[in-house]
Structures are given as C-alpha cells and as structure tokens.
Amino acid sequence: MASATPIGVRQDDPSPFAPEIVRRNEAVIDIVIAGSPSRLRRDTKRFGKTFIEGAAMVRGQAECFRRFPTTPAASGAAVARFASRPSRCGESG
C-alpha cells in the first residue's frame, strides 16, 4: 500500500487509512517526507508490518540518478543496459 498524502503527519491528524486497511497489507510505503513518525507509520508498526518512509525512497532515487548514464556520449544501448539491470540502484552488482 502506498500513501502520498500529508494527512497524519501532525500529531492531531487522523490516519489517512482505517486501521483495518493497514492491517490487511504486508507493507506500507509513505512517500511524504515527515520529520516525526506519522500516524500511518505508528499504525503500520503496531500491526507488525513493513514500513518504508519517504526519505529512504528519495535517497534511493538520488542514487539511481547519480548512476544513470547522462553523459553526451551515453548511447541508447547504455541507457537500456542500465534500465534492465537486475539489481537496485543502491546495491552493488
């Protein structure tokens, strides 16, 4: 399940999803970058589910961007090889 809403970031906000919806999912990705644990994060952890926060996603995207072949000499084949790699950008290999 993914969330891209800032609802739930402030302490007095409700969660953007009802607890039973969170409970039915194995993992929650919260794209919103918040300084403190959101209500959604607290609910996800309370149910023992995997939570992926927005900051981790941004770091991973930045690493992909850093490794992307953007030089003028980068051919379409180089970009295709990069895009088809089985490993994630933040991993070696």
Protein backbone atom coordinates (compact mmCIF):
# COMPACT_ATOMS: atom_id res chain seq x y z
CA MET A 1 0.00 0.00 0.00
CA ALA A 2 1.28 3.48 -0.80
CA SER A 3 0.40 6.84 0.67
CA ALA A 4 1.27 10.23 -0.81
CA THR A 5 -0.82 12.43 1.46
CA PRO A 6 0.47 14.58 4.32
CA ILE A 7 -2.64 13.68 6.33
CA GLY A 8 -1.43 12.06 9.53
CA VAL A 9 1.85 13.94 9.78
CA ARG A 10 0.69 16.29 12.56
CA GLN A 11 0.13 14.69 15.94
CA ASP A 12 -3.59 15.55 15.97
CA ASP A 13 -4.24 14.29 12.41
CA PRO A 14 -6.15 11.08 11.77
CA SER A 15 -4.51 8.32 9.78
CA PRO A 16 -5.13 8.52 6.02
CA PHE A 17 -6.31 4.88 6.16
CA ALA A 18 -8.52 2.99 8.55
CA PRO A 19 -6.59 0.55 10.77
CA GLU A 20 -8.21 -2.49 9.14
CA ILE A 21 -6.86 -1.40 5.74
CA VAL A 22 -3.33 -1.08 7.15
CA ARG A 23 -3.67 -4.46 8.85
CA ARG A 24 -4.59 -6.19 5.54
CA ASN A 25 -1.36 -5.07 3.80
CA GLU A 26 2.10 -6.56 4.23
CA ALA A 27 3.95 -3.30 3.63
CA VAL A 28 3.22 0.42 3.58
CA ILE A 29 5.18 2.99 1.60
CA ASP A 30 4.72 6.55 2.82
CA ILE A 31 6.02 8.90 0.13
CA VAL A 32 5.57 12.00 2.28
CA ILE A 33 8.79 13.08 3.96
CA ALA A 34 7.97 13.97 7.56
CA GLY A 35 10.21 14.92 10.44
CA SER A 36 8.36 12.86 13.02
CA PRO A 37 6.72 9.45 12.82
CA SER A 38 3.35 9.81 11.12
CA ARG A 39 0.15 8.22 12.33
CA LEU A 40 0.38 5.83 9.38
CA ARG A 41 3.88 4.77 10.42
CA ARG A 42 2.78 4.19 14.01
CA ASP A 43 -0.22 2.13 12.87
CA THR A 44 1.92 0.09 10.46
CA LYS A 45 4.49 -0.72 13.15
CA ARG A 46 1.73 -1.52 15.66
CA PHE A 47 0.46 -4.25 13.31
CA GLY A 48 3.99 -5.58 12.73
CA LYS A 49 4.00 -4.64 9.04
CA THR A 50 6.91 -3.32 6.96
CA PHE A 51 7.07 0.46 6.69
CA ILE A 52 9.14 2.28 4.05
CA GLU A 53 9.43 6.01 4.61
CA GLY A 54 9.67 8.73 2.01
CA ALA A 55 13.22 9.77 2.92
CA ALA A 56 14.50 6.27 2.11
CA MET A 57 12.76 6.42 -1.25
CA VAL A 58 14.31 9.80 -2.04
CA ARG A 59 17.79 8.51 -1.13
CA GLY A 60 17.30 5.52 -3.44
CA GLN A 61 16.07 7.71 -6.28
CA ALA A 62 19.04 10.06 -5.82
CA GLU A 63 21.42 7.09 -6.05
CA CYS A 64 19.72 5.93 -9.27
CA PHE A 65 20.01 9.41 -10.71
CA ARG A 66 23.68 9.59 -9.73
CA ARG A 67 24.43 6.32 -11.54
CA PHE A 68 22.30 6.99 -14.61
CA PRO A 69 24.40 7.37 -17.79
CA THR A 70 23.79 11.03 -18.64
CA THR A 71 26.96 11.99 -20.48
CA PRO A 72 26.56 13.20 -24.07
CA ALA A 73 28.33 10.02 -25.18
CA ALA A 74 25.79 7.76 -23.45
CA SER A 75 24.10 5.78 -26.16
CA GLY A 76 20.60 4.41 -26.13
CA ALA A 77 22.14 0.98 -25.57
CA ALA A 78 23.93 2.20 -22.41
CA VAL A 79 20.70 3.59 -21.02
CA ALA A 80 18.86 0.35 -21.88
CA ARG A 81 21.54 -1.74 -20.13
CA PHE A 82 21.25 0.45 -17.04
CA ALA A 83 17.45 0.18 -17.01
CA SER A 84 17.49 -3.60 -17.42
CA ARG A 85 19.93 -4.31 -14.58
CA PRO A 86 18.50 -6.81 -12.09
CA SER A 87 19.97 -5.02 -9.05
CA ARG A 88 18.51 -1.93 -7.47
CA CYS A 89 20.44 1.32 -7.89
CA GLY A 90 21.57 1.48 -4.28
CA GLU A 91 23.05 -2.03 -4.36
CA SER A 92 26.33 -3.10 -5.84
CA GLY A 93 26.38 -5.61 -8.65
